[in-house]
Amino acid sequence: MKKLLTAGLLTASSLVASQAYAATMECYVDTPAWDNYTPNSCFAMVWGANKATAVFRVQEN
């Protein structure tokens, strides 16, 4: 129980700290098409493939 509470507190504090820096995480899923970074979400359908590559970056505002 103590480990669970500690993990929860660490997660909550990291979320609060990330809001202070006002950074945005952006990503795209590598497909044969021209891919663009999208903020706050990452979704793509890659037909006929059993795996795909996701690319992430953090943009400071």
N, C-alpha and C. Protein backbone atom coordinates (compact mmCIF):
# COMPACT_ATOMS: atom_id res chain seq x y z
N MET A 1 0.82 -1.18 0.00
CA MET A 1 0.00 0.00 0.00
C MET A 1 0.88 1.26 0.00
N LYS A 2 1.97 1.21 0.78
CA LYS A 2 2.86 2.37 0.85
C LYS A 2 3.50 2.64 -0.51
N LYS A 3 3.89 1.59 -1.23
CA LYS A 3 4.49 1.75 -2.55
C LYS A 3 3.48 2.35 -3.54
N LEU A 4 2.23 1.92 -3.43
CA LEU A 4 1.18 2.43 -4.31
C LEU A 4 0.95 3.92 -4.07
N LEU A 5 0.90 4.33 -2.81
CA LEU A 5 0.73 5.74 -2.48
C LEU A 5 1.92 6.57 -2.94
N THR A 6 3.11 6.03 -2.77
CA THR A 6 4.32 6.74 -3.21
C THR A 6 4.31 6.92 -4.72
N ALA A 7 3.96 5.88 -5.45
CA ALA A 7 3.90 5.97 -6.91
C ALA A 7 2.85 6.99 -7.33
N GLY A 8 1.72 7.01 -6.67
CA GLY A 8 0.67 7.97 -6.99
C GLY A 8 1.09 9.40 -6.73
N LEU A 9 1.78 9.62 -5.62
CA LEU A 9 2.26 10.96 -5.30
C LEU A 9 3.32 11.43 -6.29
N LEU A 10 4.21 10.54 -6.70
CA LEU A 10 5.22 10.90 -7.69
C LEU A 10 4.58 11.24 -9.03
N THR A 11 3.60 10.47 -9.43
CA THR A 11 2.90 10.75 -10.68
C THR A 11 2.18 12.08 -10.61
N ALA A 12 1.47 12.33 -9.53
CA ALA A 12 0.74 13.59 -9.37
C ALA A 12 1.69 14.79 -9.35
N SER A 13 2.81 14.66 -8.66
CA SER A 13 3.75 15.78 -8.59
C SER A 13 4.41 16.03 -9.94
N SER A 14 4.66 14.98 -10.73
CA SER A 14 5.24 15.20 -12.05
C SER A 14 4.25 15.89 -12.97
N LEU A 15 2.96 15.59 -12.83
CA LEU A 15 1.95 16.27 -13.64
C LEU A 15 1.86 17.74 -13.28
N VAL A 16 1.92 18.04 -12.00
CA VAL A 16 1.87 19.44 -11.55
C VAL A 16 3.12 20.18 -12.02
N ALA A 17 4.26 19.55 -11.93
CA ALA A 17 5.50 20.19 -12.35
C ALA A 17 5.52 20.42 -13.85
N SER A 18 4.98 19.50 -14.63
CA SER A 18 4.98 19.67 -16.08
C SER A 18 4.08 20.83 -16.50
N GLN A 19 3.03 21.09 -15.75
CA GLN A 19 2.15 22.22 -16.07
C GLN A 19 2.87 23.55 -15.84
N ALA A 20 3.80 23.60 -14.92
CA ALA A 20 4.51 24.83 -14.62
C ALA A 20 5.41 25.25 -15.77
N TYR A 21 5.92 24.31 -16.54
CA TYR A 21 6.80 24.64 -17.65
C TYR A 21 6.05 24.94 -18.94
N ALA A 22 4.77 24.64 -19.00
CA ALA A 22 3.92 24.91 -20.16
C ALA A 22 4.50 24.31 -21.44
N ALA A 23 4.92 23.08 -21.38
CA ALA A 23 5.44 22.38 -22.55
C ALA A 23 4.33 21.49 -23.11
N THR A 24 4.42 21.22 -24.40
CA THR A 24 3.44 20.37 -25.07
C THR A 24 4.15 19.18 -25.68
N MET A 25 3.62 17.98 -25.45
CA MET A 25 4.17 16.81 -26.09
C MET A 25 3.44 16.60 -27.42
N GLU A 26 4.20 16.42 -28.47
CA GLU A 26 3.64 16.21 -29.80
C GLU A 26 4.16 14.88 -30.34
N CYS A 27 3.39 14.26 -31.21
CA CYS A 27 3.86 13.01 -31.79
C CYS A 27 3.24 12.78 -33.16
N TYR A 28 3.81 11.83 -33.87
CA TYR A 28 3.20 11.31 -35.09
C TYR A 28 3.56 9.85 -35.22
N VAL A 29 2.72 9.11 -35.94
CA VAL A 29 2.99 7.71 -36.24
C VAL A 29 3.54 7.67 -37.65
N ASP A 30 4.71 7.06 -37.80
CA ASP A 30 5.39 7.02 -39.10
C ASP A 30 4.62 6.13 -40.07
N THR A 31 4.09 6.74 -41.13
CA THR A 31 3.33 6.04 -42.17
C THR A 31 3.94 6.39 -43.52
N PRO A 32 3.51 5.72 -44.60
CA PRO A 32 4.01 6.08 -45.93
C PRO A 32 3.60 7.48 -46.37
N ALA A 33 2.59 8.06 -45.73
CA ALA A 33 2.13 9.41 -46.09
C ALA A 33 3.02 10.47 -45.45
N TRP A 34 2.77 11.74 -45.81
CA TRP A 34 3.49 12.86 -45.20
C TRP A 34 2.94 13.04 -43.79
N ASP A 35 3.78 12.87 -42.78
CA ASP A 35 3.34 12.90 -41.39
C ASP A 35 3.65 14.24 -40.75
N ASN A 36 2.74 14.72 -39.92
CA ASN A 36 2.91 15.98 -39.20
C ASN A 36 2.76 15.71 -37.71
N TYR A 37 3.50 16.45 -36.91
CA TYR A 37 3.34 16.36 -35.46
C TYR A 37 1.97 16.90 -35.08
N THR A 38 1.30 16.23 -34.14
CA THR A 38 0.04 16.72 -33.60
C THR A 38 0.19 16.85 -32.10
N PRO A 39 -0.28 17.96 -31.52
CA PRO A 39 -0.14 18.13 -30.07
C PRO A 39 -1.20 17.35 -29.29
N ASN A 40 -0.80 16.81 -28.16
CA ASN A 40 -1.70 16.19 -27.18
C ASN A 40 -2.41 14.93 -27.63
N SER A 41 -2.09 14.39 -28.79
CA SER A 41 -2.70 13.13 -29.20
C SER A 41 -1.83 12.46 -30.25
N CYS A 42 -2.01 11.16 -30.38
CA CYS A 42 -1.22 10.41 -31.35
C CYS A 42 -2.07 9.23 -31.83
N PHE A 43 -2.45 9.25 -33.11
CA PHE A 43 -3.29 8.18 -33.64
C PHE A 43 -3.03 8.03 -35.13
N ALA A 44 -2.98 6.79 -35.59
CA ALA A 44 -2.88 6.51 -37.02
C ALA A 44 -3.28 5.07 -37.26
N MET A 45 -3.85 4.82 -38.43
CA MET A 45 -4.17 3.47 -38.85
C MET A 45 -3.15 3.08 -39.93
N VAL A 46 -2.38 2.05 -39.67
CA VAL A 46 -1.40 1.58 -40.63
C VAL A 46 -1.89 0.22 -41.12
N TRP A 47 -2.57 0.23 -42.24
CA TRP A 47 -3.19 -0.99 -42.77
C TRP A 47 -2.13 -1.97 -43.26
N GLY A 48 -2.31 -3.24 -42.92
CA GLY A 48 -1.42 -4.29 -43.38
C GLY A 48 -0.11 -4.40 -42.62
N ALA A 49 0.06 -3.66 -41.55
CA ALA A 49 1.29 -3.72 -40.76
C ALA A 49 0.97 -4.22 -39.35
N ASN A 50 1.87 -5.01 -38.79
CA ASN A 50 1.65 -5.48 -37.43
C ASN A 50 2.40 -4.64 -36.39
N LYS A 51 3.15 -3.63 -36.85
CA LYS A 51 3.80 -2.70 -35.93
C LYS A 51 4.02 -1.37 -36.65
N ALA A 52 4.19 -0.32 -35.87
CA ALA A 52 4.42 1.01 -36.41
C ALA A 52 5.35 1.77 -35.47
N THR A 53 5.98 2.81 -35.99
CA THR A 53 6.90 3.62 -35.21
C THR A 53 6.22 4.94 -34.85
N ALA A 54 6.25 5.27 -33.56
CA ALA A 54 5.72 6.56 -33.10
C ALA A 54 6.91 7.44 -32.73
N VAL A 55 6.85 8.70 -33.13
CA VAL A 55 7.91 9.66 -32.88
C VAL A 55 7.36 10.76 -31.98
N PHE A 56 8.05 11.04 -30.88
CA PHE A 56 7.59 12.03 -29.88
C PHE A 56 8.59 13.16 -29.76
N ARG A 57 8.08 14.34 -29.41
CA ARG A 57 8.93 15.47 -29.09
C ARG A 57 8.19 16.36 -28.09
N VAL A 58 8.95 17.14 -27.33
CA VAL A 58 8.38 18.08 -26.37
C VAL A 58 8.72 19.48 -26.84
N GLN A 59 7.68 20.28 -27.06
CA GLN A 59 7.84 21.65 -27.50
C GLN A 59 7.59 22.58 -26.33
N GLU A 60 8.52 23.47 -26.07
CA GLU A 60 8.33 24.46 -25.02
C GLU A 60 7.57 25.64 -25.60
N ASN A 61 6.58 26.10 -24.87
CA ASN A 61 5.75 27.22 -25.35
C ASN A 61 6.26 28.53 -24.84
